[in-house]
N, C-alpha and C. Protein backbone atom coordinates (compact mmCIF):
# COMPACT_ATOMS: atom_id res chain seq x y z
N UNK A 1 17.10 -2.19 -1.78
CA UNK A 1 16.04 -2.88 -2.49
C UNK A 1 15.02 -3.38 -1.46
N UNK A 2 13.76 -3.22 -1.76
CA UNK A 2 12.70 -3.66 -0.87
C UNK A 2 12.38 -5.14 -1.10
N UNK A 3 11.93 -5.78 -0.05
CA UNK A 3 11.57 -7.20 -0.15
C UNK A 3 10.33 -7.37 -1.02
N UNK A 4 10.28 -8.49 -1.71
CA UNK A 4 9.10 -8.82 -2.51
C UNK A 4 7.97 -9.18 -1.57
N UNK A 5 6.76 -8.86 -1.83
CA UNK A 5 6.30 -8.03 -2.94
C UNK A 5 6.21 -6.58 -2.54
N UNK A 6 6.51 -5.69 -3.44
CA UNK A 6 6.20 -4.28 -3.22
C UNK A 6 4.89 -4.00 -3.93
N UNK A 7 4.17 -3.02 -3.43
CA UNK A 7 2.86 -2.74 -3.99
C UNK A 7 2.73 -1.32 -4.48
N UNK A 8 1.63 -1.10 -5.17
CA UNK A 8 1.29 0.24 -5.65
C UNK A 8 -0.22 0.40 -5.51
N UNK A 9 -0.62 1.58 -5.11
CA UNK A 9 -2.04 1.89 -5.01
C UNK A 9 -2.27 3.26 -5.62
N UNK A 10 -3.28 3.34 -6.47
CA UNK A 10 -3.62 4.60 -7.12
C UNK A 10 -5.10 4.89 -6.84
N UNK A 11 -5.33 6.07 -6.29
CA UNK A 11 -6.70 6.51 -6.00
C UNK A 11 -6.99 7.65 -6.97
N UNK A 12 -7.78 7.37 -8.00
CA UNK A 12 -8.06 8.38 -9.03
C UNK A 12 -9.23 7.94 -9.89
N UNK A 13 -9.88 8.92 -10.48
CA UNK A 13 -10.93 8.66 -11.47
C UNK A 13 -12.01 7.71 -10.97
N UNK A 14 -12.48 7.92 -9.75
CA UNK A 14 -13.57 7.14 -9.17
C UNK A 14 -13.24 5.67 -8.97
N UNK A 15 -11.94 5.34 -8.86
CA UNK A 15 -11.56 3.95 -8.63
C UNK A 15 -10.26 3.89 -7.83
N UNK A 16 -10.16 2.89 -6.98
CA UNK A 16 -8.93 2.60 -6.25
C UNK A 16 -8.34 1.35 -6.90
N UNK A 17 -7.10 1.43 -7.34
CA UNK A 17 -6.43 0.30 -7.95
C UNK A 17 -5.24 -0.08 -7.07
N UNK A 18 -5.26 -1.32 -6.58
CA UNK A 18 -4.20 -1.83 -5.72
C UNK A 18 -3.52 -2.97 -6.47
N UNK A 19 -2.20 -2.87 -6.64
CA UNK A 19 -1.45 -3.91 -7.31
C UNK A 19 -0.39 -4.42 -6.35
N UNK A 20 -0.37 -5.74 -6.17
CA UNK A 20 0.58 -6.37 -5.26
C UNK A 20 0.84 -7.79 -5.74
N UNK A 21 2.09 -8.16 -5.85
CA UNK A 21 2.49 -9.52 -6.24
C UNK A 21 1.86 -9.93 -7.58
N UNK A 22 1.76 -8.98 -8.49
CA UNK A 22 1.21 -9.29 -9.80
C UNK A 22 -0.30 -9.37 -9.86
N UNK A 23 -0.95 -9.15 -8.74
CA UNK A 23 -2.42 -9.17 -8.68
C UNK A 23 -2.93 -7.74 -8.56
N UNK A 24 -4.02 -7.46 -9.26
CA UNK A 24 -4.61 -6.13 -9.20
C UNK A 24 -6.04 -6.25 -8.70
N UNK A 25 -6.37 -5.39 -7.75
CA UNK A 25 -7.73 -5.33 -7.21
C UNK A 25 -8.22 -3.90 -7.39
N UNK A 26 -9.45 -3.77 -7.84
CA UNK A 26 -10.04 -2.44 -7.98
C UNK A 26 -11.24 -2.33 -7.06
N UNK A 27 -11.41 -1.14 -6.52
CA UNK A 27 -12.51 -0.84 -5.62
C UNK A 27 -13.11 0.50 -6.05
N UNK A 28 -14.42 0.67 -5.89
CA UNK A 28 -14.98 1.99 -6.17
C UNK A 28 -14.54 2.96 -5.08
N UNK A 29 -14.39 4.22 -5.43
CA UNK A 29 -14.01 5.21 -4.43
C UNK A 29 -15.24 5.69 -3.67
N UNK A 30 -14.97 6.13 -2.46
CA UNK A 30 -16.04 6.74 -1.65
C UNK A 30 -15.61 8.16 -1.31
N UNK A 31 -14.67 8.28 -0.39
CA UNK A 31 -14.03 9.56 -0.13
C UNK A 31 -12.56 9.26 0.16
N UNK A 32 -11.72 10.26 0.11
CA UNK A 32 -10.28 10.05 0.16
C UNK A 32 -9.86 9.32 1.43
N UNK A 33 -10.39 9.70 2.58
CA UNK A 33 -10.00 9.03 3.82
C UNK A 33 -10.40 7.55 3.81
N UNK A 34 -11.59 7.25 3.35
CA UNK A 34 -12.04 5.85 3.27
C UNK A 34 -11.22 5.08 2.24
N UNK A 35 -10.87 5.73 1.14
CA UNK A 35 -10.07 5.06 0.12
C UNK A 35 -8.67 4.72 0.65
N UNK A 36 -8.07 5.65 1.36
CA UNK A 36 -6.76 5.39 1.97
C UNK A 36 -6.86 4.26 2.99
N UNK A 37 -7.92 4.26 3.78
CA UNK A 37 -8.13 3.19 4.77
C UNK A 37 -8.30 1.84 4.08
N UNK A 38 -8.98 1.81 2.94
CA UNK A 38 -9.17 0.56 2.21
C UNK A 38 -7.83 0.01 1.71
N UNK A 39 -6.98 0.89 1.22
CA UNK A 39 -5.65 0.47 0.78
C UNK A 39 -4.87 -0.09 1.97
N UNK A 40 -4.89 0.63 3.07
CA UNK A 40 -4.19 0.21 4.28
C UNK A 40 -4.69 -1.16 4.75
N UNK A 41 -5.98 -1.36 4.76
CA UNK A 41 -6.58 -2.62 5.20
C UNK A 41 -6.16 -3.77 4.27
N UNK A 42 -6.22 -3.55 2.97
CA UNK A 42 -5.88 -4.59 2.00
C UNK A 42 -4.40 -5.00 2.11
N UNK A 43 -3.51 -4.02 2.18
CA UNK A 43 -2.08 -4.32 2.26
C UNK A 43 -1.75 -4.95 3.62
N UNK A 44 -2.39 -4.50 4.68
CA UNK A 44 -2.14 -5.09 6.01
C UNK A 44 -2.54 -6.56 6.04
N UNK A 45 -3.60 -6.93 5.33
CA UNK A 45 -4.00 -8.34 5.27
C UNK A 45 -2.89 -9.18 4.63
N UNK A 46 -2.29 -8.67 3.58
CA UNK A 46 -1.16 -9.37 2.96
C UNK A 46 0.03 -9.41 3.91
N UNK A 47 0.29 -8.31 4.60
CA UNK A 47 1.41 -8.26 5.54
C UNK A 47 1.22 -9.29 6.66
N UNK A 48 -0.02 -9.46 7.12
CA UNK A 48 -0.30 -10.49 8.13
C UNK A 48 -0.02 -11.88 7.56
N UNK A 49 -0.43 -12.10 6.33
CA UNK A 49 -0.20 -13.39 5.69
C UNK A 49 1.30 -13.70 5.57
N UNK A 50 2.09 -12.69 5.23
CA UNK A 50 3.53 -12.86 5.05
C UNK A 50 4.32 -12.65 6.34
N UNK A 51 3.64 -12.15 7.39
CA UNK A 51 4.24 -11.89 8.70
C UNK A 51 5.41 -10.91 8.64
N UNK A 52 5.22 -9.84 7.84
CA UNK A 52 6.22 -8.79 7.76
C UNK A 52 5.62 -7.57 7.06
N UNK A 53 6.23 -6.41 7.26
CA UNK A 53 5.73 -5.21 6.59
C UNK A 53 5.85 -5.32 5.08
N UNK A 54 4.99 -4.59 4.39
CA UNK A 54 5.02 -4.53 2.93
C UNK A 54 5.17 -3.06 2.53
N UNK A 55 6.06 -2.83 1.59
CA UNK A 55 6.27 -1.48 1.06
C UNK A 55 5.29 -1.24 -0.08
N UNK A 56 4.65 -0.07 -0.04
CA UNK A 56 3.68 0.27 -1.07
C UNK A 56 3.82 1.76 -1.41
N UNK A 57 3.69 2.07 -2.68
CA UNK A 57 3.65 3.47 -3.12
C UNK A 57 2.19 3.82 -3.36
N UNK A 58 1.73 4.83 -2.65
CA UNK A 58 0.33 5.26 -2.74
C UNK A 58 0.30 6.60 -3.46
N UNK A 59 -0.53 6.69 -4.50
CA UNK A 59 -0.67 7.93 -5.26
C UNK A 59 -2.14 8.33 -5.24
N UNK A 60 -2.38 9.59 -4.88
CA UNK A 60 -3.74 10.12 -4.91
C UNK A 60 -3.67 11.58 -5.31
N UNK A 61 -4.76 12.29 -5.15
CA UNK A 61 -4.84 13.69 -5.59
C UNK A 61 -3.86 14.60 -4.86
N UNK A 62 -3.36 14.18 -3.69
CA UNK A 62 -2.45 15.00 -2.92
C UNK A 62 -0.98 14.71 -3.19
N UNK A 63 -0.68 13.68 -3.97
CA UNK A 63 0.71 13.35 -4.28
C UNK A 63 0.98 11.86 -4.22
N UNK A 64 2.24 11.53 -3.99
CA UNK A 64 2.66 10.13 -3.98
C UNK A 64 3.61 9.91 -2.81
N UNK A 65 3.42 8.79 -2.09
CA UNK A 65 4.24 8.46 -0.94
C UNK A 65 4.59 6.99 -0.97
N UNK A 66 5.80 6.67 -0.54
CA UNK A 66 6.18 5.27 -0.36
C UNK A 66 6.23 5.02 1.13
N UNK A 67 5.42 4.06 1.56
CA UNK A 67 5.29 3.76 2.99
C UNK A 67 5.40 2.25 3.20
N UNK A 68 5.61 1.88 4.44
CA UNK A 68 5.54 0.47 4.83
C UNK A 68 4.27 0.29 5.65
N UNK A 69 3.58 -0.81 5.42
CA UNK A 69 2.38 -1.13 6.19
C UNK A 69 2.66 -2.43 6.92
N UNK A 70 2.55 -2.38 8.25
CA UNK A 70 2.82 -3.53 9.11
C UNK A 70 1.64 -4.48 9.15
N UNK A 71 1.87 -5.71 9.64
CA UNK A 71 0.78 -6.67 9.76
C UNK A 71 -0.38 -6.18 10.62
N UNK A 72 -0.10 -5.30 11.59
CA UNK A 72 -1.18 -4.77 12.44
C UNK A 72 -1.85 -3.55 11.82
N UNK A 73 -1.43 -3.16 10.62
CA UNK A 73 -2.03 -2.03 9.92
C UNK A 73 -1.34 -0.70 10.15
N UNK A 74 -0.35 -0.67 11.05
CA UNK A 74 0.39 0.58 11.28
C UNK A 74 1.17 0.95 10.03
N UNK A 75 1.28 2.24 9.79
CA UNK A 75 2.03 2.72 8.63
C UNK A 75 3.19 3.58 9.09
N UNK A 76 4.25 3.57 8.31
CA UNK A 76 5.39 4.44 8.59
C UNK A 76 6.16 4.65 7.30
N UNK A 77 6.92 5.76 7.24
CA UNK A 77 7.70 6.00 6.03
C UNK A 77 8.64 4.84 5.77
N UNK A 78 8.79 4.50 4.54
CA UNK A 78 9.71 3.43 4.18
C UNK A 78 11.12 3.85 4.50
N UNK A 79 11.89 2.96 5.08
CA UNK A 79 13.30 3.23 5.35
C UNK A 79 14.13 2.37 4.42
N UNK A 80 15.19 2.93 3.96
CA UNK A 80 16.08 2.19 3.06
C UNK A 80 17.05 1.37 3.91
N UNK A 81 17.32 0.16 3.43
CA UNK A 81 18.33 -0.68 4.07
C UNK A 81 19.71 -0.16 3.69
N UNK A 82 20.60 -0.18 4.65
CA UNK A 82 21.97 0.23 4.38
C UNK A 82 22.71 -0.93 3.74
N UNK A 83 23.48 -0.61 2.72
CA UNK A 83 24.29 -1.64 2.07
C UNK A 83 25.54 -1.86 2.89
N UNK A 84 25.96 -3.09 2.90
CA UNK A 84 27.19 -3.43 3.66
C UNK A 84 28.38 -3.39 2.77
């Protein structure tokens, strides 16, 4: 199970929708690379506030990925915690 809050971002239909901790933010799209960067920037700001990575599922025209975004903005594939 991932730590709260987990997020979701959808880039589609001329809008970027980011949902995190029950809050939704929408942004107009520009191009796919800029839209992905906007999601990364927004989630990283929350990660800095919480001082830990945040897991987010990003969906766009190329598919869907679950990644972790660190407070410094670095991204990496989400890793599952091992159960004891």
